[in-house]
């Protein structure tokens, strides 16, 4: 699905809502089954150049599953607990590595136990951590995730990394090295002041840019103007349209 936008590039916009075929009535089941039939053709071989660069959020997730979400002042026990790497960029690049690509991550952690765990997990999966900025002090990003088994929901309580990543954390030569030979740049909208500089350099090098527009974030419009592809949640296009209509109404009123 493509949408023409006022951006310099035509952005291919994909919503998670449409990644699975919609349900159909029994009368059209035969047509539906043929339309969505999985191909038996072999998958194409991976290209020689498989470098994917990602700039964005990484962290450590503490995932506690509970029978049902607690009420205020409740004391409950988890049914299971897992600790693993997270963050949109971290998840995307780990997935890319497991699919056989060669990802490089640009982000920031601290020299603390969480940061060491994040780095070790990346390296175990084959993600290049050469461009991770490591702060001697502070804390790495982490998130408490409460998984409600009854309602099938999850609640995230995020603690950002400190000190935050700033453009001065990356030299120009480091950005050049990170993007050298890259086939695509992945952004999740996090670390906006740093990520926009990386994106601008990628655009100058004609490297395609994929932006993961989970929700409205700071400077998201600037990223969309540079993007070749935008992957969004089902709610993002509607929220963006409502915002544009509100701005238009205010401008016409005043």
Protein backbone atom coordinates (compact mmCIF):
# COMPACT_ATOMS: atom_id res chain seq x y z
CA UNK A 1 0.00 0.00 0.00
CA UNK A 2 1.54 3.30 -1.08
CA UNK A 3 0.56 6.82 -0.10
CA UNK A 4 1.72 9.95 -1.87
CA UNK A 5 2.94 12.50 0.63
CA UNK A 6 4.35 16.04 0.45
CA UNK A 7 7.74 14.47 1.22
CA UNK A 8 10.56 14.39 -1.34
CA UNK A 9 10.27 10.60 -1.46
CA UNK A 10 7.17 8.51 -2.02
CA UNK A 11 6.85 6.68 1.27
CA UNK A 12 5.67 3.09 1.26
CA UNK A 13 3.44 2.94 4.33
CA UNK A 14 2.68 -0.43 5.90
CA UNK A 15 0.37 -0.89 8.87
CA UNK A 16 0.75 -3.86 11.22
CA UNK A 17 -3.03 -4.14 10.99
CA UNK A 18 -2.78 -5.47 7.44
CA UNK A 19 0.05 -7.95 7.86
CA UNK A 20 -2.48 -10.79 8.24
CA UNK A 21 -5.36 -11.48 5.82
CA UNK A 22 -8.76 -10.29 7.06
CA UNK A 23 -11.37 -12.87 7.99
CA UNK A 24 -13.89 -13.70 5.28
CA UNK A 25 -17.27 -15.39 5.12
CA UNK A 26 -17.54 -19.07 4.19
CA UNK A 27 -19.00 -18.16 0.79
CA UNK A 28 -15.73 -16.52 -0.23
CA UNK A 29 -13.40 -18.94 1.55
CA UNK A 30 -12.24 -20.65 -1.65
CA UNK A 31 -11.31 -17.34 -3.28
CA UNK A 32 -9.63 -16.21 -0.08
CA UNK A 33 -7.59 -19.40 0.28
CA UNK A 34 -6.28 -19.12 -3.26
CA UNK A 35 -5.47 -15.44 -2.80
CA UNK A 36 -3.41 -16.00 0.34
CA UNK A 37 -1.96 -19.41 -0.55
CA UNK A 38 1.64 -19.69 0.55
CA UNK A 39 4.09 -20.06 -2.33
CA UNK A 40 6.12 -23.26 -2.51
CA UNK A 41 8.85 -21.51 -4.49
CA UNK A 42 12.23 -21.44 -2.74
CA UNK A 43 13.21 -18.22 -1.01
CA UNK A 44 15.69 -16.03 -2.90
CA UNK A 45 19.29 -16.29 -1.79
CA UNK A 46 20.67 -13.57 0.47
CA UNK A 47 22.61 -10.78 -1.26
CA UNK A 48 26.36 -10.54 -0.82
CA UNK A 49 26.04 -7.15 0.85
CA UNK A 50 23.76 -7.74 3.83
CA UNK A 51 24.65 -4.74 6.00
CA UNK A 52 21.71 -3.20 7.87
CA UNK A 53 22.32 -0.19 10.12
CA UNK A 54 19.91 0.65 12.92
CA UNK A 55 19.80 3.74 15.12
CA UNK A 56 17.40 3.85 18.04
CA UNK A 57 16.29 2.38 21.31
CA UNK A 58 17.89 -0.58 23.05
CA UNK A 59 17.42 -1.76 26.60
CA UNK A 60 16.90 -4.61 28.99
CA UNK A 61 13.35 -5.91 29.49
CA UNK A 62 12.11 -7.48 32.72
CA UNK A 63 9.03 -9.42 31.60
CA UNK A 64 6.76 -10.54 34.44
CA UNK A 65 3.67 -12.54 33.53
CA UNK A 66 0.75 -12.31 35.97
CA UNK A 67 -2.61 -14.09 36.16
CA UNK A 68 -4.40 -10.73 35.96
CA UNK A 69 -3.36 -7.09 36.19
CA UNK A 70 -3.11 -5.94 39.83
CA UNK A 71 -5.40 -3.37 41.40
CA UNK A 72 -3.96 -0.41 43.35
CA UNK A 73 -2.17 -1.54 46.54
CA UNK A 74 -2.40 -5.22 45.53
CA UNK A 75 0.47 -7.59 46.23
CA UNK A 76 0.62 -10.40 43.69
CA UNK A 77 3.08 -12.96 42.39
CA UNK A 78 4.30 -13.42 38.87
CA UNK A 79 3.65 -16.69 37.07
CA UNK A 80 6.92 -16.37 35.16
CA UNK A 81 9.81 -13.95 34.76
CA UNK A 82 12.22 -13.41 31.88
CA UNK A 83 15.05 -10.91 31.46
CA UNK A 84 16.13 -10.19 27.90
CA UNK A 85 17.21 -7.46 25.53
CA UNK A 86 14.59 -5.14 24.12
CA UNK A 87 13.95 -1.79 22.49
CA UNK A 88 12.50 -1.37 19.00
CA UNK A 89 15.86 -0.99 17.28
CA UNK A 90 17.37 -3.75 19.37
CA UNK A 91 14.57 -6.17 18.52
CA UNK A 92 14.63 -5.30 14.81
CA UNK A 93 18.38 -5.78 14.44
CA UNK A 94 18.40 -8.99 16.46
CA UNK A 95 15.72 -10.32 14.12
CA UNK A 96 17.77 -9.20 11.10
CA UNK A 97 20.83 -11.02 12.44
CA UNK A 98 18.87 -14.23 12.99
CA UNK A 99 17.61 -14.00 9.39
CA UNK A 100 21.19 -13.97 8.13
CA UNK A 101 21.82 -10.24 7.66
CA UNK A 102 24.73 -8.24 9.07
CA UNK A 103 23.29 -5.54 11.35
CA UNK A 104 25.13 -2.67 13.03
CA UNK A 105 23.55 -0.90 16.00
CA UNK A 106 23.95 2.79 16.82
CA UNK A 107 22.72 3.53 20.34
CA UNK A 108 23.90 4.27 23.88
CA UNK A 109 24.26 2.20 27.02
CA UNK A 110 26.08 2.63 30.32
CA UNK A 111 28.92 0.61 31.77
CA UNK A 112 26.59 -1.16 34.19
CA UNK A 113 25.30 -4.74 34.51
CA UNK A 114 22.30 -3.99 32.28
CA UNK A 115 24.54 -2.48 29.61
CA UNK A 116 26.90 -5.44 29.68
CA UNK A 117 23.93 -7.79 29.32
CA UNK A 118 22.60 -5.82 26.35
CA UNK A 119 25.97 -5.88 24.58
CA UNK A 120 26.57 -9.58 25.27
CA UNK A 121 23.14 -10.53 23.93
CA UNK A 122 23.71 -8.50 20.74
CA UNK A 123 27.10 -10.09 20.17
CA UNK A 124 25.74 -13.59 20.78
CA UNK A 125 23.19 -12.98 18.01
CA UNK A 126 25.74 -11.52 15.60
CA UNK A 127 24.87 -7.81 15.87
CA UNK A 128 27.88 -5.51 15.38
CA UNK A 129 28.23 -3.42 18.56
CA UNK A 130 31.22 -1.36 17.36
CA UNK A 131 29.04 1.75 17.20
CA UNK A 132 27.44 1.45 20.64
CA UNK A 133 28.32 4.45 22.78
CA UNK A 134 29.15 3.38 26.35
CA UNK A 135 28.88 5.90 29.18
CA UNK A 136 31.19 5.33 32.15
CA UNK A 137 28.51 6.60 34.53
CA UNK A 138 24.71 6.54 34.63
CA UNK A 139 22.33 3.73 33.77
CA UNK A 140 21.36 1.78 30.68
CA UNK A 141 17.73 1.87 29.51
CA UNK A 142 15.44 -0.77 31.00
CA UNK A 143 11.74 -1.58 31.00
CA UNK A 144 9.43 -3.42 33.38
CA UNK A 145 6.86 -5.29 31.27
CA UNK A 146 3.74 -6.65 33.01
CA UNK A 147 2.06 -9.32 30.87
CA UNK A 148 -1.60 -9.82 31.81
CA UNK A 149 -2.48 -13.43 30.95
CA UNK A 150 -6.19 -12.84 31.56
CA UNK A 151 -6.71 -9.86 29.24
CA UNK A 152 -3.79 -10.68 26.93
CA UNK A 153 -2.28 -7.21 27.31
CA UNK A 154 1.10 -5.89 28.30
CA UNK A 155 2.02 -2.76 30.24
CA UNK A 156 5.47 -1.21 29.83
CA UNK A 157 7.14 0.97 32.46
CA UNK A 158 10.24 2.41 30.82
CA UNK A 159 13.27 4.03 32.43
CA UNK A 160 15.36 5.89 29.82
CA UNK A 161 19.12 5.65 29.77
CA UNK A 162 21.09 8.36 31.53
CA UNK A 163 22.93 10.35 30.33
CA UNK A 164 20.88 10.45 27.12
CA UNK A 165 22.51 10.12 23.72
CA UNK A 166 23.42 13.43 22.07
CA UNK A 167 24.85 14.23 18.62
CA UNK A 168 28.30 14.92 20.09
CA UNK A 169 28.48 11.25 21.13
CA UNK A 170 29.15 10.34 17.47
CA UNK A 171 31.93 11.86 15.39
CA UNK A 172 31.42 12.45 11.69
CA UNK A 173 33.93 9.72 10.88
CA UNK A 174 32.05 7.26 13.11
CA UNK A 175 28.80 7.95 11.24
CA UNK A 176 30.61 7.48 7.91
CA UNK A 177 32.04 4.16 9.11
CA UNK A 178 28.69 2.94 10.42
CA UNK A 179 26.96 3.66 7.10
CA UNK A 180 29.78 2.33 4.92
CA UNK A 181 28.35 -0.34 2.64
CA UNK A 182 24.88 -0.23 4.23
CA UNK A 183 21.91 -1.43 2.18
CA UNK A 184 19.29 0.18 4.43
CA UNK A 185 19.01 2.32 7.57
CA UNK A 186 16.43 1.41 10.21
CA UNK A 187 15.12 4.09 12.60
CA UNK A 188 12.56 3.76 15.38
CA UNK A 189 12.14 7.46 16.20
CA UNK A 190 14.16 7.23 19.42
CA UNK A 191 17.28 9.35 20.06
CA UNK A 192 15.85 11.91 17.60
CA UNK A 193 18.62 14.53 17.70
CA UNK A 194 21.27 11.93 16.93
CA UNK A 195 19.17 9.79 14.61
CA UNK A 196 18.26 12.73 12.35
CA UNK A 197 21.96 13.39 11.68
CA UNK A 198 22.51 9.73 10.80
CA UNK A 199 19.42 9.81 8.58
CA UNK A 200 20.55 12.95 6.75
CA UNK A 201 23.91 11.36 5.99
CA UNK A 202 22.20 8.18 4.80
CA UNK A 203 19.99 10.25 2.50
CA UNK A 204 23.07 11.98 1.05
CA UNK A 205 24.52 8.53 0.32
CA UNK A 206 21.21 7.39 -1.26
CA UNK A 207 20.80 4.67 1.36
CA UNK A 208 17.10 3.71 1.73
CA UNK A 209 15.62 4.59 5.12
CA UNK A 210 12.94 2.62 6.96
CA UNK A 211 11.20 4.41 9.84
CA UNK A 212 9.25 2.42 12.44
CA UNK A 213 6.46 4.86 13.33
CA UNK A 214 5.05 3.12 16.37
CA UNK A 215 3.46 6.37 17.59
CA UNK A 216 3.88 10.13 17.49
CA UNK A 217 7.38 11.03 18.62
CA UNK A 218 9.58 14.10 18.64
CA UNK A 219 10.71 15.12 15.10
CA UNK A 220 8.79 12.25 13.51
CA UNK A 221 7.76 14.47 10.58
CA UNK A 222 11.41 15.14 9.77
CA UNK A 223 12.11 11.43 9.68
CA UNK A 224 9.13 10.77 7.42
CA UNK A 225 10.40 13.34 4.91
CA UNK A 226 13.63 11.37 4.60
CA UNK A 227 12.08 7.90 4.70
CA UNK A 228 11.73 5.48 1.82
CA UNK A 229 9.54 3.15 3.89
CA UNK A 230 7.32 3.74 6.93
CA UNK A 231 6.10 0.82 9.03
CA UNK A 232 3.42 1.89 11.48
CA UNK A 233 0.98 0.63 14.05
CA UNK A 234 -2.69 0.53 13.13
CA UNK A 235 -3.37 3.68 15.18
CA UNK A 236 -0.58 5.89 13.84
CA UNK A 237 -2.16 6.98 10.50
CA UNK A 238 -5.44 7.86 12.24
CA UNK A 239 -3.65 9.81 14.99
CA UNK A 240 -1.61 11.70 12.39
CA UNK A 241 -4.71 12.58 10.39
CA UNK A 242 -6.52 13.83 13.48
CA UNK A 243 -3.53 16.01 14.36
CA UNK A 244 -3.39 17.50 10.86
CA UNK A 245 -7.12 18.23 10.91
CA UNK A 246 -6.81 19.90 14.31
CA UNK A 247 -3.94 22.11 13.11
CA UNK A 248 -5.88 23.03 9.98
CA UNK A 249 -8.94 23.94 12.08
CA UNK A 250 -6.85 26.15 14.40
CA UNK A 251 -5.23 27.91 11.42
CA UNK A 252 -8.59 28.59 9.80
CA UNK A 253 -10.11 29.79 13.08
CA UNK A 254 -7.35 32.23 13.98
